[in-house]
Structures are given as C-alpha cells and as structure tokens.
Amino acid sequence: LDPSYAPDAIAAFNHVLELDPKHADALRGLANLHYDREEHAQAVPFFERYLALRPDDASARTDLGTMYLYAGDAPRAIKTYEEVIRRNPSFLQAHYNLAVALHREGRQEAALAELLSS
C-alpha cells in the first residue's frame, strides 16, 4: 500500500467497523496498516479483536507477537509465539520470531536452539 493512501484506508476500515464492529477483514486490515506504519501499540487491539473472531490464524497471531515485541513486551511476545508453535509446530515464521525475541532477551542459547529445531 502506498503510504499516501493509509489515511483513506484507515478511514474506510473504521467506517466498516462502525457498521459492523466484528468485521474480521476490516479488523485485520487496520491491524496490518498499523503494523506496516510501525504503529505497534495501535496495531495490538486490532489484532486481538481479529483473533477473538479467528483464533486459528497463525499468521495474525505471529504478527500480534511481533507487535508485542516491538512495543517492548518481549515476554508476552515469547508466550504468543510459543502458543502459535504449540498449535502449529511447522509454522516457520513463529519459530524464527521466537528466536529473535529470545535473542533480544539475552537468551542466545535458547534462540539458537529454536532456530536449529525448526
């Protein structure tokens, strides 16, 4: 998405959510827009609301973990990635992101072990 379109896209998604607060595609769209704009804290509630409707979306849950990580909550990010891996052991992106989060927490051996196990 061209960044110049973001304000209009946000307004459009918000309008959809005014009409239907549980519109999964609009929630995910807003989450993704905030993710792309590196607005981590703003993305979190949209990912959480989306995942309340679509709890099995491993990609969105991994993205939520990334937003926790970039918002400064590495322990919550780690728990989120571990949950994705528990549900989807072969989901490579969650393994990689978990390794990154472990590394950021100074847990280099655990990060390397995670990379080697995936």
PDB file of N, CA and C in Angstrom:
ATOM      1  N   LEU A   1       0.844  -1.179   0.000  1.00  0.00           N
ATOM      2  CA  LEU A   1       0.000   0.000   0.000  1.00  0.00           C
ATOM      3  C   LEU A   1       0.885   1.236   0.000  1.00  0.00           C
ATOM      4  N   ASP A   2       0.639   2.100  -0.926  1.00  0.00           N
ATOM      5  CA  ASP A   2       1.337   3.377  -0.978  1.00  0.00           C
ATOM      6  C   ASP A   2       1.014   4.121   0.322  1.00  0.00           C
ATOM      7  N   PRO A   3       2.031   4.557   1.063  1.00  0.00           N
ATOM      8  CA  PRO A   3       1.781   5.223   2.350  1.00  0.00           C
ATOM      9  C   PRO A   3       0.827   6.418   2.266  1.00  0.00           C
ATOM     10  N   SER A   4       0.768   7.061   1.113  1.00  0.00           N
ATOM     11  CA  SER A   4      -0.130   8.210   0.995  1.00  0.00           C
ATOM     12  C   SER A   4      -1.604   7.794   1.049  1.00  0.00           C
ATOM     13  N   TYR A   5      -1.887   6.512   0.810  1.00  0.00           N
ATOM     14  CA  TYR A   5      -3.267   6.025   0.869  1.00  0.00           C
ATOM     15  C   TYR A   5      -3.688   5.593   2.275  1.00  0.00           C
ATOM     16  N   ALA A   6      -2.738   5.508   3.191  1.00  0.00           N
ATOM     17  CA  ALA A   6      -3.032   4.986   4.526  1.00  0.00           C
ATOM     18  C   ALA A   6      -4.156   5.741   5.246  1.00  0.00           C
ATOM     19  N   PRO A   7      -4.156   7.063   5.270  1.00  0.00           N
ATOM     20  CA  PRO A   7      -5.248   7.746   5.981  1.00  0.00           C
ATOM     21  C   PRO A   7      -6.636   7.395   5.419  1.00  0.00           C
ATOM     22  N   ASP A   8      -6.725   7.325   4.099  1.00  0.00           N
ATOM     23  CA  ASP A   8      -8.015   6.967   3.495  1.00  0.00           C
ATOM     24  C   ASP A   8      -8.383   5.521   3.805  1.00  0.00           C
ATOM     25  N   ALA A   9      -7.397   4.633   3.785  1.00  0.00           N
ATOM     26  CA  ALA A   9      -7.655   3.223   4.096  1.00  0.00           C
ATOM     27  C   ALA A   9      -8.093   3.070   5.543  1.00  0.00           C
ATOM     28  N   ILE A  10      -7.437   3.772   6.448  1.00  0.00           N
ATOM     29  CA  ILE A  10      -7.817   3.714   7.864  1.00  0.00           C
ATOM     30  C   ILE A  10      -9.243   4.225   8.033  1.00  0.00           C
ATOM     31  N   ALA A  11      -9.567   5.329   7.383  1.00  0.00           N
ATOM     32  CA  ALA A  11     -10.933   5.869   7.474  1.00  0.00           C
ATOM     33  C   ALA A  11     -11.949   4.871   6.925  1.00  0.00           C
ATOM     34  N   ALA A  12     -11.625   4.225   5.826  1.00  0.00           N
ATOM     35  CA  ALA A  12     -12.552   3.252   5.236  1.00  0.00           C
ATOM     36  C   ALA A  12     -12.749   2.053   6.156  1.00  0.00           C
ATOM     37  N   PHE A  13     -11.660   1.517   6.696  1.00  0.00           N
ATOM     38  CA  PHE A  13     -11.792   0.384   7.619  1.00  0.00           C
ATOM     39  C   PHE A  13     -12.575   0.778   8.873  1.00  0.00           C
ATOM     40  N   ASN A  14     -12.310   1.976   9.390  1.00  0.00           N
ATOM     41  CA  ASN A  14     -13.061   2.435  10.569  1.00  0.00           C
ATOM     42  C   ASN A  14     -14.542   2.570  10.257  1.00  0.00           C
ATOM     43  N   HIS A  15     -14.866   3.031   9.066  1.00  0.00           N
ATOM     44  CA  HIS A  15     -16.274   3.133   8.671  1.00  0.00           C
ATOM     45  C   HIS A  15     -16.919   1.758   8.640  1.00  0.00           C
ATOM     46  N   VAL A  16     -16.232   0.780   8.085  1.00  0.00           N
ATOM     47  CA  VAL A  16     -16.758  -0.589   8.064  1.00  0.00           C
ATOM     48  C   VAL A  16     -16.994  -1.075   9.497  1.00  0.00           C
ATOM     49  N   LEU A  17     -16.062  -0.773  10.398  1.00  0.00           N
ATOM     50  CA  LEU A  17     -16.204  -1.223  11.782  1.00  0.00           C
ATOM     51  C   LEU A  17     -17.317  -0.478  12.527  1.00  0.00           C
ATOM     52  N   GLU A  18     -17.628   0.732  12.114  1.00  0.00           N
ATOM     53  CA  GLU A  18     -18.793   1.424  12.682  1.00  0.00           C
ATOM     54  C   GLU A  18     -20.066   0.679  12.311  1.00  0.00           C
ATOM     55  N   LEU A  19     -20.117   0.157  11.108  1.00  0.00           N
ATOM     56  CA  LEU A  19     -21.288  -0.586  10.643  1.00  0.00           C
ATOM     57  C   LEU A  19     -21.319  -1.998  11.211  1.00  0.00           C
ATOM     58  N   ASP A  20     -20.162  -2.608  11.355  1.00  0.00           N
ATOM     59  CA  ASP A  20     -20.057  -3.983  11.845  1.00  0.00           C
ATOM     60  C   ASP A  20     -18.775  -4.121  12.666  1.00  0.00           C
ATOM     61  N   PRO A  21     -18.852  -3.927  13.983  1.00  0.00           N
ATOM     62  CA  PRO A  21     -17.660  -3.965  14.841  1.00  0.00           C
ATOM     63  C   PRO A  21     -16.904  -5.294  14.828  1.00  0.00           C
ATOM     64  N   LYS A  22     -17.536  -6.342  14.310  1.00  0.00           N
ATOM     65  CA  LYS A  22     -16.886  -7.649  14.261  1.00  0.00           C
ATOM     66  C   LYS A  22     -16.520  -8.061  12.832  1.00  0.00           C
ATOM     67  N   HIS A  23     -16.319  -7.096  11.979  1.00  0.00           N
ATOM     68  CA  HIS A  23     -15.938  -7.383  10.605  1.00  0.00           C
ATOM     69  C   HIS A  23     -14.456  -7.784  10.594  1.00  0.00           C
ATOM     70  N   ALA A  24     -14.213  -9.086  10.449  1.00  0.00           N
ATOM     71  CA  ALA A  24     -12.859  -9.621  10.584  1.00  0.00           C
ATOM     72  C   ALA A  24     -11.882  -9.016   9.579  1.00  0.00           C
ATOM     73  N   ASP A  25     -12.303  -8.864   8.346  1.00  0.00           N
ATOM     74  CA  ASP A  25     -11.387  -8.325   7.334  1.00  0.00           C
ATOM     75  C   ASP A  25     -10.998  -6.876   7.625  1.00  0.00           C
ATOM     76  N   ALA A  26     -11.928  -6.095   8.130  1.00  0.00           N
ATOM     77  CA  ALA A  26     -11.612  -4.707   8.478  1.00  0.00           C
ATOM     78  C   ALA A  26     -10.666  -4.654   9.679  1.00  0.00           C
ATOM     79  N   LEU A  27     -10.893  -5.523  10.654  1.00  0.00           N
ATOM     80  CA  LEU A  27     -10.003  -5.571  11.818  1.00  0.00           C
ATOM     81  C   LEU A  27      -8.583  -5.949  11.394  1.00  0.00           C
ATOM     82  N   ARG A  28      -8.497  -6.970  10.560  1.00  0.00           N
ATOM     83  CA  ARG A  28      -7.169  -7.405  10.094  1.00  0.00           C
ATOM     84  C   ARG A  28      -6.543  -6.321   9.222  1.00  0.00           C
ATOM     85  N   GLY A  29      -7.342  -5.663   8.400  1.00  0.00           N
ATOM     86  CA  GLY A  29      -6.818  -4.594   7.571  1.00  0.00           C
ATOM     87  C   GLY A  29      -6.223  -3.464   8.389  1.00  0.00           C
ATOM     88  N   LEU A  30      -6.943  -3.044   9.430  1.00  0.00           N
ATOM     89  CA  LEU A  30      -6.416  -1.979  10.293  1.00  0.00           C
ATOM     90  C   LEU A  30      -5.175  -2.440  11.037  1.00  0.00           C
ATOM     91  N   ALA A  31      -5.202  -3.672  11.511  1.00  0.00           N
ATOM     92  CA  ALA A  31      -4.021  -4.214  12.195  1.00  0.00           C
ATOM     93  C   ALA A  31      -2.817  -4.176  11.263  1.00  0.00           C
ATOM     94  N   ASN A  32      -3.014  -4.613  10.036  1.00  0.00           N
ATOM     95  CA  ASN A  32      -1.917  -4.637   9.074  1.00  0.00           C
ATOM     96  C   ASN A  32      -1.420  -3.237   8.717  1.00  0.00           C
ATOM     97  N   LEU A  33      -2.346  -2.299   8.581  1.00  0.00           N
ATOM     98  CA  LEU A  33      -1.934  -0.925   8.284  1.00  0.00           C
ATOM     99  C   LEU A  33      -1.066  -0.359   9.401  1.00  0.00           C
ATOM    100  N   HIS A  34      -1.507  -0.563  10.638  1.00  0.00           N
ATOM    101  CA  HIS A  34      -0.701  -0.062  11.766  1.00  0.00           C
ATOM    102  C   HIS A  34       0.635  -0.800  11.848  1.00  0.00           C
ATOM    103  N   TYR A  35       0.620  -2.091  11.561  1.00  0.00           N
ATOM    104  CA  TYR A  35       1.859  -2.878  11.516  1.00  0.00           C
ATOM    105  C   TYR A  35       2.810  -2.273  10.492  1.00  0.00           C
ATOM    106  N   ASP A  36       2.321  -2.054   9.284  1.00  0.00           N
ATOM    107  CA  ASP A  36       3.150  -1.513   8.210  1.00  0.00           C
ATOM    108  C   ASP A  36       3.684  -0.119   8.528  1.00  0.00           C
ATOM    109  N   ARG A  37       2.904   0.639   9.268  1.00  0.00           N
ATOM    110  CA  ARG A  37       3.313   2.002   9.629  1.00  0.00           C
ATOM    111  C   ARG A  37       4.157   2.027  10.902  1.00  0.00           C
ATOM    112  N   GLU A  38       4.479   0.838  11.410  1.00  0.00           N
ATOM    113  CA  GLU A  38       5.264   0.680  12.641  1.00  0.00           C
ATOM    114  C   GLU A  38       4.597   1.354  13.834  1.00  0.00           C
ATOM    115  N   GLU A  39       3.277   1.312  13.846  1.00  0.00           N
ATOM    116  CA  GLU A  39       2.474   1.825  14.965  1.00  0.00           C
ATOM    117  C   GLU A  39       2.063   0.618  15.800  1.00  0.00           C
ATOM    118  N   HIS A  40       3.043   0.110  16.528  1.00  0.00           N
ATOM    119  CA  HIS A  40       2.909  -1.176  17.200  1.00  0.00           C
ATOM    120  C   HIS A  40       1.774  -1.194  18.215  1.00  0.00           C
ATOM    121  N   ALA A  41       1.753  -0.226  19.112  1.00  0.00           N
ATOM    122  CA  ALA A  41       0.722  -0.211  20.148  1.00  0.00           C
ATOM    123  C   ALA A  41      -0.677  -0.070  19.554  1.00  0.00           C
ATOM    124  N   GLN A  42      -0.795   0.671  18.462  1.00  0.00           N
ATOM    125  CA  GLN A  42      -2.104   0.842  17.825  1.00  0.00           C
ATOM    126  C   GLN A  42      -2.557  -0.439  17.125  1.00  0.00           C
ATOM    127  N   ALA A  43      -1.619  -1.234  16.646  1.00  0.00           N
ATOM    128  CA  ALA A  43      -1.966  -2.476  15.938  1.00  0.00           C
ATOM    129  C   ALA A  43      -2.493  -3.545  16.884  1.00  0.00           C
ATOM    130  N   VAL A  44      -1.986  -3.570  18.108  1.00  0.00           N
ATOM    131  CA  VAL A  44      -2.305  -4.648  19.052  1.00  0.00           C
ATOM    132  C   VAL A  44      -3.802  -4.867  19.234  1.00  0.00           C
ATOM    133  N   PRO A  45      -4.593  -3.848  19.574  1.00  0.00           N
ATOM    134  CA  PRO A  45      -6.014  -4.132  19.820  1.00  0.00           C
ATOM    135  C   PRO A  45      -6.756  -4.649  18.588  1.00  0.00           C
ATOM    136  N   PHE A  46      -6.334  -4.232  17.415  1.00  0.00           N
ATOM    137  CA  PHE A  46      -6.985  -4.735  16.196  1.00  0.00           C
ATOM    138  C   PHE A  46      -6.641  -6.200  15.950  1.00  0.00           C
ATOM    139  N   PHE A  47      -5.380  -6.567  16.180  1.00  0.00           N
ATOM    140  CA  PHE A  47      -5.024  -7.979  16.078  1.00  0.00           C
ATOM    141  C   PHE A  47      -5.779  -8.801  17.123  1.00  0.00           C
ATOM    142  N   GLU A  48      -5.856  -8.284  18.347  1.00  0.00           N
ATOM    143  CA  GLU A  48      -6.547  -9.024  19.407  1.00  0.00           C
ATOM    144  C   GLU A  48      -8.027  -9.212  19.094  1.00  0.00           C
ATOM    145  N   ARG A  49      -8.676  -8.175  18.608  1.00  0.00           N
ATOM    146  CA  ARG A  49     -10.094  -8.292  18.242  1.00  0.00           C
ATOM    147  C   ARG A  49     -10.284  -9.254  17.076  1.00  0.00           C
ATOM    148  N   TYR A  50      -9.395  -9.169  16.094  1.00  0.00           N
ATOM    149  CA  TYR A  50      -9.462 -10.076  14.954  1.00  0.00           C
ATOM    150  C   TYR A  50      -9.300 -11.529  15.419  1.00  0.00           C
ATOM    151  N   LEU A  51      -8.321 -11.766  16.278  1.00  0.00           N
ATOM    152  CA  LEU A  51      -8.051 -13.127  16.729  1.00  0.00           C
ATOM    153  C   LEU A  51      -9.145 -13.674  17.644  1.00  0.00           C
ATOM    154  N   ALA A  52      -9.909 -12.797  18.267  1.00  0.00           N
ATOM    155  CA  ALA A  52     -11.071 -13.271  19.030  1.00  0.00           C
ATOM    156  C   ALA A  52     -12.091 -13.899  18.087  1.00  0.00           C
ATOM    157  N   LEU A  53     -12.113 -13.428  16.844  1.00  0.00           N
ATOM    158  CA  LEU A  53     -13.026 -13.961  15.832  1.00  0.00           C
ATOM    159  C   LEU A  53     -12.404 -15.119  15.049  1.00  0.00           C
ATOM    160  N   ARG A  54     -11.111 -15.056  14.845  1.00  0.00           N
ATOM    161  CA  ARG A  54     -10.400 -16.063  14.037  1.00  0.00           C
ATOM    162  C   ARG A  54      -9.179 -16.575  14.820  1.00  0.00           C
ATOM    163  N   PRO A  55      -9.411 -17.310  15.885  1.00  0.00           N
ATOM    164  CA  PRO A  55      -8.312 -17.704  16.777  1.00  0.00           C
ATOM    165  C   PRO A  55      -7.275 -18.635  16.153  1.00  0.00           C
ATOM    166  N   ASP A  56      -7.602 -19.274  15.057  1.00  0.00           N
ATOM    167  CA  ASP A  56      -6.674 -20.226  14.450  1.00  0.00           C
ATOM    168  C   ASP A  56      -5.781 -19.620  13.370  1.00  0.00           C
ATOM    169  N   ASP A  57      -5.800 -18.324  13.214  1.00  0.00           N
ATOM    170  CA  ASP A  57      -4.980 -17.665  12.198  1.00  0.00           C
ATOM    171  C   ASP A  57      -3.554 -17.504  12.732  1.00  0.00           C
ATOM    172  N   ALA A  58      -2.701 -18.467  12.397  1.00  0.00           N
ATOM    173  CA  ALA A  58      -1.332 -18.480  12.912  1.00  0.00           C
ATOM    174  C   ALA A  58      -0.534 -17.266  12.457  1.00  0.00           C
ATOM    175  N   SER A  59      -0.759 -16.830  11.242  1.00  0.00           N
ATOM    176  CA  SER A  59      -0.037 -15.673  10.725  1.00  0.00           C
ATOM    177  C   SER A  59      -0.381 -14.410  11.510  1.00  0.00           C
ATOM    178  N   ALA A  60      -1.661 -14.183  11.746  1.00  0.00           N
ATOM    179  CA  ALA A  60      -2.073 -12.996  12.505  1.00  0.00           C
ATOM    180  C   ALA A  60      -1.587 -13.072  13.946  1.00  0.00           C
ATOM    181  N   ARG A  61      -1.627 -14.262  14.549  1.00  0.00           N
ATOM    182  CA  ARG A  61      -1.165 -14.398  15.928  1.00  0.00           C
ATOM    183  C   ARG A  61       0.340 -14.145  16.005  1.00  0.00           C
ATOM    184  N   THR A  62       1.079 -14.594  15.001  1.00  0.00           N
ATOM    185  CA  THR A  62       2.515 -14.323  14.959  1.00  0.00           C
ATOM    186  C   THR A  62       2.762 -12.824  14.788  1.00  0.00           C
ATOM    187  N   ASP A  63       1.975 -12.184  13.939  1.00  0.00           N
ATOM    188  CA  ASP A  63       2.096 -10.722  13.784  1.00  0.00           C
ATOM    189  C   ASP A  63       1.782 -10.008  15.099  1.00  0.00           C
ATOM    190  N   LEU A  64       0.793 -10.494  15.827  1.00  0.00           N
ATOM    191  CA  LEU A  64       0.481  -9.906  17.136  1.00  0.00           C
ATOM    192  C   LEU A  64       1.689 -10.030  18.061  1.00  0.00           C
ATOM    193  N   GLY A  65       2.314 -11.196  18.068  1.00  0.00           N
ATOM    194  CA  GLY A  65       3.515 -11.367  18.881  1.00  0.00           C
ATOM    195  C   GLY A  65       4.588 -10.355  18.502  1.00  0.00           C
ATOM    196  N   THR A  66       4.734 -10.108  17.222  1.00  0.00           N
ATOM    197  CA  THR A  66       5.715  -9.138  16.759  1.00  0.00           C
ATOM    198  C   THR A  66       5.367  -7.735  17.239  1.00  0.00           C
ATOM    199  N   MET A  67       4.094  -7.407  17.259  1.00  0.00           N
ATOM    200  CA  MET A  67       3.689  -6.094  17.770  1.00  0.00           C
ATOM    201  C   MET A  67       3.980  -5.990  19.261  1.00  0.00           C
ATOM    202  N   TYR A  68       3.745  -7.067  20.005  1.00  0.00           N
ATOM    203  CA  TYR A  68       4.118  -7.060  21.427  1.00  0.00           C
ATOM    204  C   TYR A  68       5.623  -6.827  21.573  1.00  0.00           C
ATOM    205  N   LEU A  69       6.397  -7.534  20.759  1.00  0.00           N
ATOM    206  CA  LEU A  69       7.848  -7.417  20.843  1.00  0.00           C
ATOM    207  C   LEU A  69       8.296  -5.986  20.568  1.00  0.00           C
ATOM    208  N   TYR A  70       7.820  -5.411  19.464  1.00  0.00           N
ATOM    209  CA  TYR A  70       8.241  -4.058  19.105  1.00  0.00           C
ATOM    210  C   TYR A  70       7.658  -2.988  20.030  1.00  0.00           C
ATOM    211  N   ALA A  71       6.580  -3.316  20.710  1.00  0.00           N
ATOM    212  CA  ALA A  71       6.017  -2.380  21.685  1.00  0.00           C
ATOM    213  C   ALA A  71       6.730  -2.489  23.032  1.00  0.00           C
ATOM    214  N   GLY A  72       7.700  -3.409  23.127  1.00  0.00           N
ATOM    215  CA  GLY A  72       8.507  -3.505  24.341  1.00  0.00           C
ATOM    216  C   GLY A  72       8.098  -4.592  25.306  1.00  0.00           C
ATOM    217  N   ASP A  73       7.223  -5.489  24.907  1.00  0.00           N
ATOM    218  CA  ASP A  73       6.769  -6.558  25.798  1.00  0.00           C
ATOM    219  C   ASP A  73       7.253  -7.910  25.279  1.00  0.00           C
ATOM    220  N   ALA A  74       8.563  -8.131  25.393  1.00  0.00           N
ATOM    221  CA  ALA A  74       9.165  -9.370  24.886  1.00  0.00           C
ATOM    222  C   ALA A  74       8.592 -10.620  25.561  1.00  0.00           C
ATOM    223  N   PRO A  75       8.369 -10.632  26.873  1.00  0.00           N
ATOM    224  CA  PRO A  75       7.804 -11.847  27.478  1.00  0.00           C
ATOM    225  C   PRO A  75       6.438 -12.226  26.888  1.00  0.00           C
ATOM    226  N   ARG A  76       5.620 -11.246  26.632  1.00  0.00           N
ATOM    227  CA  ARG A  76       4.304 -11.531  26.033  1.00  0.00           C
ATOM    228  C   ARG A  76       4.463 -12.012  24.587  1.00  0.00           C
ATOM    229  N   ALA A  77       5.410 -11.438  23.875  1.00  0.00           N
ATOM    230  CA  ALA A  77       5.689 -11.874  22.506  1.00  0.00           C
ATOM    231  C   ALA A  77       6.133 -13.335  22.509  1.00  0.00           C
ATOM    232  N   ILE A  78       7.032 -13.674  23.418  1.00  0.00           N
ATOM    233  CA  ILE A  78       7.536 -15.047  23.505  1.00  0.00           C
ATOM    234  C   ILE A  78       6.390 -16.015  23.780  1.00  0.00           C
ATOM    235  N   LYS A  79       5.524 -15.677  24.720  1.00  0.00           N
ATOM    236  CA  LYS A  79       4.367 -16.541  25.012  1.00  0.00           C
ATOM    237  C   LYS A  79       3.464 -16.687  23.792  1.00  0.00           C
ATOM    238  N   THR A  80       3.291 -15.617  23.059  1.00  0.00           N
ATOM    239  CA  THR A  80       2.440 -15.656  21.867  1.00  0.00           C
ATOM    240  C   THR A  80       3.048 -16.568  20.804  1.00  0.00           C
ATOM    241  N   TYR A  81       4.333 -16.418  20.546  1.00  0.00           N
ATOM    242  CA  TYR A  81       4.996 -17.285  19.565  1.00  0.00           C
ATOM    243  C   TYR A  81       4.938 -18.742  20.002  1.00  0.00           C
ATOM    244  N   GLU A  82       5.158 -18.986  21.289  1.00  0.00           N
ATOM    245  CA  GLU A  82       5.112 -20.368  21.782  1.00  0.00           C
ATOM    246  C   GLU A  82       3.722 -20.971  21.610  1.00  0.00           C
ATOM    247  N   GLU A  83       2.696 -20.158  21.779  1.00  0.00           N
ATOM    248  CA  GLU A  83       1.327 -20.633  21.570  1.00  0.00           C
ATOM    249  C   GLU A  83       1.094 -20.991  20.106  1.00  0.00           C
ATOM    250  N   VAL A  84       1.585 -20.160  19.207  1.00  0.00           N
ATOM    251  CA  VAL A  84       1.456 -20.461  17.778  1.00  0.00           C
ATOM    252  C   VAL A  84       2.153 -21.786  17.464  1.00  0.00           C
ATOM    253  N   ILE A  85       3.350 -21.949  17.981  1.00  0.00           N
ATOM    254  CA  ILE A  85       4.125 -23.168  17.718  1.00  0.00           C
ATOM    255  C   ILE A  85       3.439 -24.387  18.327  1.00  0.00           C
ATOM    256  N   ARG A  86       2.851 -24.225  19.500  1.00  0.00           N
ATOM    257  CA  ARG A  86       2.133 -25.343  20.126  1.00  0.00           C
ATOM    258  C   ARG A  86       0.989 -25.790  19.227  1.00  0.00           C
ATOM    259  N   ARG A  87       0.272 -24.833  18.658  1.00  0.00           N
ATOM    260  CA  ARG A  87      -0.866 -25.154  17.791  1.00  0.00           C
ATOM    261  C   ARG A  87      -0.438 -25.575  16.383  1.00  0.00           C
ATOM    262  N   ASN A  88       0.677 -25.001  15.909  1.00  0.00           N
ATOM    263  CA  ASN A  88       1.148 -25.226  14.533  1.00  0.00           C
ATOM    264  C   ASN A  88       2.660 -25.445  14.553  1.00  0.00           C
ATOM    265  N   PRO A  89       3.104 -26.626  14.931  1.00  0.00           N
ATOM    266  CA  PRO A  89       4.549 -26.861  15.100  1.00  0.00           C
ATOM    267  C   PRO A  89       5.391 -26.583  13.861  1.00  0.00           C
ATOM    268  N   SER A  90       4.814 -26.635  12.685  1.00  0.00           N
ATOM    269  CA  SER A  90       5.603 -26.419  11.478  1.00  0.00           C
ATOM    270  C   SER A  90       5.546 -24.978  10.961  1.00  0.00           C
ATOM    271  N   PHE A  91       4.941 -24.070  11.724  1.00  0.00           N
ATOM    272  CA  PHE A  91       4.827 -22.680  11.271  1.00  0.00           C
ATOM    273  C   PHE A  91       6.165 -21.965  11.484  1.00  0.00           C
ATOM    274  N   LEU A  92       6.955 -21.925  10.428  1.00  0.00           N
ATOM    275  CA  LEU A  92       8.338 -21.464  10.493  1.00  0.00           C
ATOM    276  C   LEU A  92       8.477 -20.030  10.987  1.00  0.00           C
ATOM    277  N   GLN A  93       7.591 -19.134  10.570  1.00  0.00           N
ATOM    278  CA  GLN A  93       7.719 -17.732  10.956  1.00  0.00           C
ATOM    279  C   GLN A  93       7.659 -17.567  12.478  1.00  0.00           C
ATOM    280  N   ALA A  94       6.823 -18.349  13.141  1.00  0.00           N
ATOM    281  CA  ALA A  94       6.741 -18.251  14.606  1.00  0.00           C
ATOM    282  C   ALA A  94       8.039 -18.725  15.250  1.00  0.00           C
ATOM    283  N   HIS A  95       8.644 -19.772  14.703  1.00  0.00           N
ATOM    284  CA  HIS A  95       9.934 -20.247  15.236  1.00  0.00           C
ATOM    285  C   HIS A  95      11.004 -19.164  15.079  1.00  0.00           C
ATOM    286  N   TYR A  96      11.073 -18.582  13.908  1.00  0.00           N
ATOM    287  CA  TYR A  96      12.068 -17.541  13.650  1.00  0.00           C
ATOM    288  C   TYR A  96      11.847 -16.345  14.587  1.00  0.00           C
ATOM    289  N   ASN A  97      10.585 -15.892  14.686  1.00  0.00           N
ATOM    290  CA  ASN A  97      10.291 -14.737  15.533  1.00  0.00           C
ATOM    291  C   ASN A  97      10.572 -15.041  17.000  1.00  0.00           C
ATOM    292  N   LEU A  98      10.292 -16.279  17.413  1.00  0.00           N
ATOM    293  CA  LEU A  98      10.610 -16.665  18.789  1.00  0.00           C
ATOM    294  C   LEU A  98      12.112 -16.576  19.016  1.00  0.00           C
ATOM    295  N   ALA A  99      12.896 -17.036  18.066  1.00  0.00           N
ATOM    296  CA  ALA A  99      14.350 -16.946  18.204  1.00  0.00           C
ATOM    297  C   ALA A  99      14.804 -15.493  18.314  1.00  0.00           C
ATOM    298  N   VAL A 100      14.218 -14.627  17.517  1.00  0.00           N
ATOM    299  CA  VAL A 100      14.563 -13.200  17.582  1.00  0.00           C
ATOM    300  C   VAL A 100      14.225 -12.629  18.964  1.00  0.00           C
ATOM    301  N   ALA A 101      13.049 -12.959  19.458  1.00  0.00           N
ATOM    302  CA  ALA A 101      12.626 -12.448  20.774  1.00  0.00           C
ATOM    303  C   ALA A 101      13.526 -12.988  21.886  1.00  0.00           C
ATOM    304  N   LEU A 102      13.858 -14.259  21.820  1.00  0.00           N
ATOM    305  CA  LEU A 102      14.757 -14.840  22.824  1.00  0.00           C
ATOM    306  C   LEU A 102      16.121 -14.162  22.772  1.00  0.00           C
ATOM    307  N   HIS A 103      16.611 -13.914  21.583  1.00  0.00           N
ATOM    308  CA  HIS A 103      17.891 -13.220  21.422  1.00  0.00           C
ATOM    309  C   HIS A 103      17.836 -11.823  22.049  1.00  0.00           C
ATOM    310  N   ARG A 104      16.749 -11.108  21.792  1.00  0.00           N
ATOM    311  CA  ARG A 104      16.594  -9.758  22.370  1.00  0.00           C
ATOM    312  C   ARG A 104      16.577  -9.788  23.895  1.00  0.00           C
ATOM    313  N   GLU A 105      16.119 -10.906  24.439  1.00  0.00           N
ATOM    314  CA  GLU A 105      16.072 -11.052  25.905  1.00  0.00           C
ATOM    315  C   GLU A 105      17.393 -11.560  26.467  1.00  0.00           C
ATOM    316  N   GLY A 106      18.401 -11.698  25.601  1.00  0.00           N
ATOM    317  CA  GLY A 106      19.715 -12.149  26.052  1.00  0.00           C
ATOM    318  C   GLY A 106      19.824 -13.651  26.208  1.00  0.00           C
ATOM    319  N   ARG A 107      18.881 -14.375  25.656  1.00  0.00           N
ATOM    320  CA  ARG A 107      18.855 -15.830  25.778  1.00  0.00           C
ATOM    321  C   ARG A 107      19.365 -16.453  24.473  1.00  0.00           C
ATOM    322  N   GLN A 108      20.666 -16.222  24.194  1.00  0.00           N
ATOM    323  CA  GLN A 108      21.247 -16.619  22.922  1.00  0.00           C
ATOM    324  C   GLN A 108      21.202 -18.133  22.696  1.00  0.00           C
ATOM    325  N   GLU A 109      21.487 -18.920  23.720  1.00  0.00           N
ATOM    326  CA  GLU A 109      21.492 -20.369  23.555  1.00  0.00           C
ATOM    327  C   GLU A 109      20.073 -20.869  23.206  1.00  0.00           C
ATOM    328  N   ALA A 110      19.079 -20.328  23.873  1.00  0.00           N
ATOM    329  CA  ALA A 110      17.696 -20.724  23.582  1.00  0.00           C
ATOM    330  C   ALA A 110      17.291 -20.267  22.178  1.00  0.00           C
ATOM    331  N   ALA A 111      17.758 -19.094  21.780  1.00  0.00           N
ATOM    332  CA  ALA A 111      17.438 -18.595  20.438  1.00  0.00           C
ATOM    333  C   ALA A 111      18.058 -19.507  19.373  1.00  0.00           C
ATOM    334  N   LEU A 112      19.301 -19.867  19.560  1.00  0.00           N
ATOM    335  CA  LEU A 112      19.956 -20.751  18.601  1.00  0.00           C
ATOM    336  C   LEU A 112      19.278 -22.121  18.578  1.00  0.00           C
ATOM    337  N   ALA A 113      18.940 -22.637  19.743  1.00  0.00           N
ATOM    338  CA  ALA A 113      18.258 -23.922  19.819  1.00  0.00           C
ATOM    339  C   ALA A 113      16.928 -23.872  19.078  1.00  0.00           C
ATOM    340  N   GLU A 114      16.233 -22.756  19.188  1.00  0.00           N
ATOM    341  CA  GLU A 114      14.935 -22.603  18.486  1.00  0.00           C
ATOM    342  C   GLU A 114      15.139 -22.617  16.978  1.00  0.00           C
ATOM    343  N   LEU A 115      16.150 -21.934  16.511  1.00  0.00           N
ATOM    344  CA  LEU A 115      16.432 -21.921  15.072  1.00  0.00           C
ATOM    345  C   LEU A 115      16.814 -23.306  14.568  1.00  0.00           C
ATOM    346  N   LEU A 116      17.605 -24.001  15.358  1.00  0.00           N
ATOM    347  CA  LEU A 116      18.042 -25.338  14.930  1.00  0.00           C
ATOM    348  C   LEU A 116      16.927 -26.365  14.991  1.00  0.00           C
ATOM    349  N   SER A 117      15.931 -26.133  15.833  1.00  0.00           N
ATOM    350  CA  SER A 117      14.844 -27.110  15.981  1.00  0.00           C
ATOM    351  C   SER A 117      13.786 -26.950  14.910  1.00  0.00           C
ATOM    352  N   SER A 118      13.770 -25.817  14.230  1.00  0.00           N
ATOM    353  CA  SER A 118      12.684 -25.560  13.275  1.00  0.00           C
ATOM    354  C   SER A 118      12.992 -25.990  11.864  1.00  0.00           C
TER     355      SER A 118
END
